[in-house]
Amino acid sequence: MTFLNMLLQTATNFGPLVAPLAAALAVIGASMGIGKIGASAMESIARQPEAASDVRMSMIIVAALIEGATLFAIVVCLMAL
């Protein structure tokens, strides 16, 4: 039995256990990232209030990109089931 066949068999056996854990890790990582972005944005707005609109718009765009990547990761994990 080759290594690839053994790996595929193991993934098939443990897929239902690993996929929800991988989805949970993706969500936890995204929430930590968005929290850090929000904290940094609020700190920069506090330092330079005149740049609030630019910082806020950048924060929203980056948070949306992170959420999109997280949704993609969740879909891939659900397809693994």
C-alpha atoms as a PDB file:
ATOM      1  CA  MET A   1       0.000   0.000   0.000  1.00  0.00           C
ATOM      2  CA  THR A   2       1.490   3.339  -1.017  1.00  0.00           C
ATOM      3  CA  PHE A   3       1.697   6.336   1.222  1.00  0.00           C
ATOM      4  CA  LEU A   4      -0.906   8.233  -0.812  1.00  0.00           C
ATOM      5  CA  ASN A   5      -3.420   5.406  -0.546  1.00  0.00           C
ATOM      6  CA  MET A   6      -2.834   5.188   3.190  1.00  0.00           C
ATOM      7  CA  LEU A   7      -3.268   8.957   3.532  1.00  0.00           C
ATOM      8  CA  LEU A   8      -6.508   8.942   1.534  1.00  0.00           C
ATOM      9  CA  GLN A   9      -7.884   6.061   3.583  1.00  0.00           C
ATOM     10  CA  THR A  10      -7.044   7.870   6.814  1.00  0.00           C
ATOM     11  CA  ALA A  11      -8.657  11.076   5.550  1.00  0.00           C
ATOM     12  CA  THR A  12     -11.773   9.142   4.608  1.00  0.00           C
ATOM     13  CA  ASN A  13     -11.973   7.558   8.047  1.00  0.00           C
ATOM     14  CA  PHE A  14     -11.327  10.734  10.050  1.00  0.00           C
ATOM     15  CA  GLY A  15     -12.968  13.268   7.700  1.00  0.00           C
ATOM     16  CA  PRO A  16     -16.176  13.591   9.717  1.00  0.00           C
ATOM     17  CA  LEU A  17     -14.123  14.313  12.847  1.00  0.00           C
ATOM     18  CA  VAL A  18     -11.559  16.679  11.366  1.00  0.00           C
ATOM     19  CA  ALA A  19     -13.797  18.801   9.106  1.00  0.00           C
ATOM     20  CA  PRO A  20     -15.778  20.484  11.937  1.00  0.00           C
ATOM     21  CA  LEU A  21     -12.550  21.138  13.835  1.00  0.00           C
ATOM     22  CA  ALA A  22     -10.995  22.738  10.762  1.00  0.00           C
ATOM     23  CA  ALA A  23     -14.097  24.913  10.268  1.00  0.00           C
ATOM     24  CA  ALA A  24     -13.969  25.953  13.918  1.00  0.00           C
ATOM     25  CA  LEU A  25     -10.288  26.874  13.609  1.00  0.00           C
ATOM     26  CA  ALA A  26     -11.048  28.953  10.525  1.00  0.00           C
ATOM     27  CA  VAL A  27     -13.782  30.858  12.349  1.00  0.00           C
ATOM     28  CA  ILE A  28     -11.639  31.385  15.451  1.00  0.00           C
ATOM     29  CA  GLY A  29      -8.733  32.674  13.369  1.00  0.00           C
ATOM     30  CA  ALA A  30     -10.994  35.026  11.428  1.00  0.00           C
ATOM     31  CA  SER A  31     -12.622  36.395  14.565  1.00  0.00           C
ATOM     32  CA  MET A  32      -9.221  37.059  16.107  1.00  0.00           C
ATOM     33  CA  GLY A  33      -8.086  38.804  12.922  1.00  0.00           C
ATOM     34  CA  ILE A  34     -11.175  40.979  12.659  1.00  0.00           C
ATOM     35  CA  GLY A  35     -10.892  41.861  16.346  1.00  0.00           C
ATOM     36  CA  LYS A  36      -7.283  42.916  15.868  1.00  0.00           C
ATOM     37  CA  ILE A  37      -8.232  44.990  12.823  1.00  0.00           C
ATOM     38  CA  GLY A  38     -10.997  46.720  14.774  1.00  0.00           C
ATOM     39  CA  ALA A  39      -8.739  47.452  17.728  1.00  0.00           C
ATOM     40  CA  SER A  40      -6.001  48.853  15.500  1.00  0.00           C
ATOM     41  CA  ALA A  41      -8.494  50.966  13.567  1.00  0.00           C
ATOM     42  CA  MET A  42      -9.957  52.445  16.730  1.00  0.00           C
ATOM     43  CA  GLU A  43      -6.475  53.202  18.031  1.00  0.00           C
ATOM     44  CA  SER A  44      -5.496  54.952  14.801  1.00  0.00           C
ATOM     45  CA  ILE A  45      -8.744  56.944  14.786  1.00  0.00           C
ATOM     46  CA  ALA A  46      -8.037  58.015  18.364  1.00  0.00           C
ATOM     47  CA  ARG A  47      -4.583  59.210  17.315  1.00  0.00           C
ATOM     48  CA  GLN A  48      -5.759  60.983  14.139  1.00  0.00           C
ATOM     49  CA  PRO A  49      -9.478  61.786  14.238  1.00  0.00           C
ATOM     50  CA  GLU A  50      -9.358  63.610  10.895  1.00  0.00           C
ATOM     51  CA  ALA A  51      -8.549  60.340   9.108  1.00  0.00           C
ATOM     52  CA  ALA A  52     -11.508  58.487  10.628  1.00  0.00           C
ATOM     53  CA  SER A  53     -13.475  58.007   7.409  1.00  0.00           C
ATOM     54  CA  ASP A  54     -10.500  56.579   5.492  1.00  0.00           C
ATOM     55  CA  VAL A  55      -9.526  54.245   8.329  1.00  0.00           C
ATOM     56  CA  ARG A  56     -13.114  53.097   8.815  1.00  0.00           C
ATOM     57  CA  MET A  57     -13.562  52.321   5.113  1.00  0.00           C
ATOM     58  CA  SER A  58     -10.301  50.378   4.981  1.00  0.00           C
ATOM     59  CA  MET A  59     -11.292  48.455   8.102  1.00  0.00           C
ATOM     60  CA  ILE A  60     -14.642  47.453   6.614  1.00  0.00           C
ATOM     61  CA  ILE A  61     -13.065  46.320   3.327  1.00  0.00           C
ATOM     62  CA  VAL A  62     -10.420  44.196   5.050  1.00  0.00           C
ATOM     63  CA  ALA A  63     -12.970  42.674   7.439  1.00  0.00           C
ATOM     64  CA  ALA A  64     -15.185  41.751   4.474  1.00  0.00           C
ATOM     65  CA  LEU A  65     -12.245  40.082   2.720  1.00  0.00           C
ATOM     66  CA  ILE A  66     -11.460  38.074   5.844  1.00  0.00           C
ATOM     67  CA  GLU A  67     -15.091  37.006   6.168  1.00  0.00           C
ATOM     68  CA  GLY A  68     -15.108  35.903   2.534  1.00  0.00           C
ATOM     69  CA  ALA A  69     -12.016  33.776   3.013  1.00  0.00           C
ATOM     70  CA  THR A  70     -13.523  32.295   6.172  1.00  0.00           C
ATOM     71  CA  LEU A  71     -16.739  31.425   4.373  1.00  0.00           C
ATOM     72  CA  PHE A  72     -14.693  29.737   1.646  1.00  0.00           C
ATOM     73  CA  ALA A  73     -12.820  27.715   4.300  1.00  0.00           C
ATOM     74  CA  ILE A  74     -16.083  26.637   5.923  1.00  0.00           C
ATOM     75  CA  VAL A  75     -17.515  25.528   2.572  1.00  0.00           C
ATOM     76  CA  VAL A  76     -14.380  23.489   1.845  1.00  0.00           C
ATOM     77  CA  CYS A  77     -14.607  21.857   5.269  1.00  0.00           C
ATOM     78  CA  LEU A  78     -18.266  21.010   4.729  1.00  0.00           C
ATOM     79  CA  MET A  79     -17.452  19.519   1.340  1.00  0.00           C
ATOM     80  CA  ALA A  80     -14.930  17.275   3.077  1.00  0.00           C
ATOM     81  CA  LEU A  81     -17.782  15.638   4.927  1.00  0.00           C
END
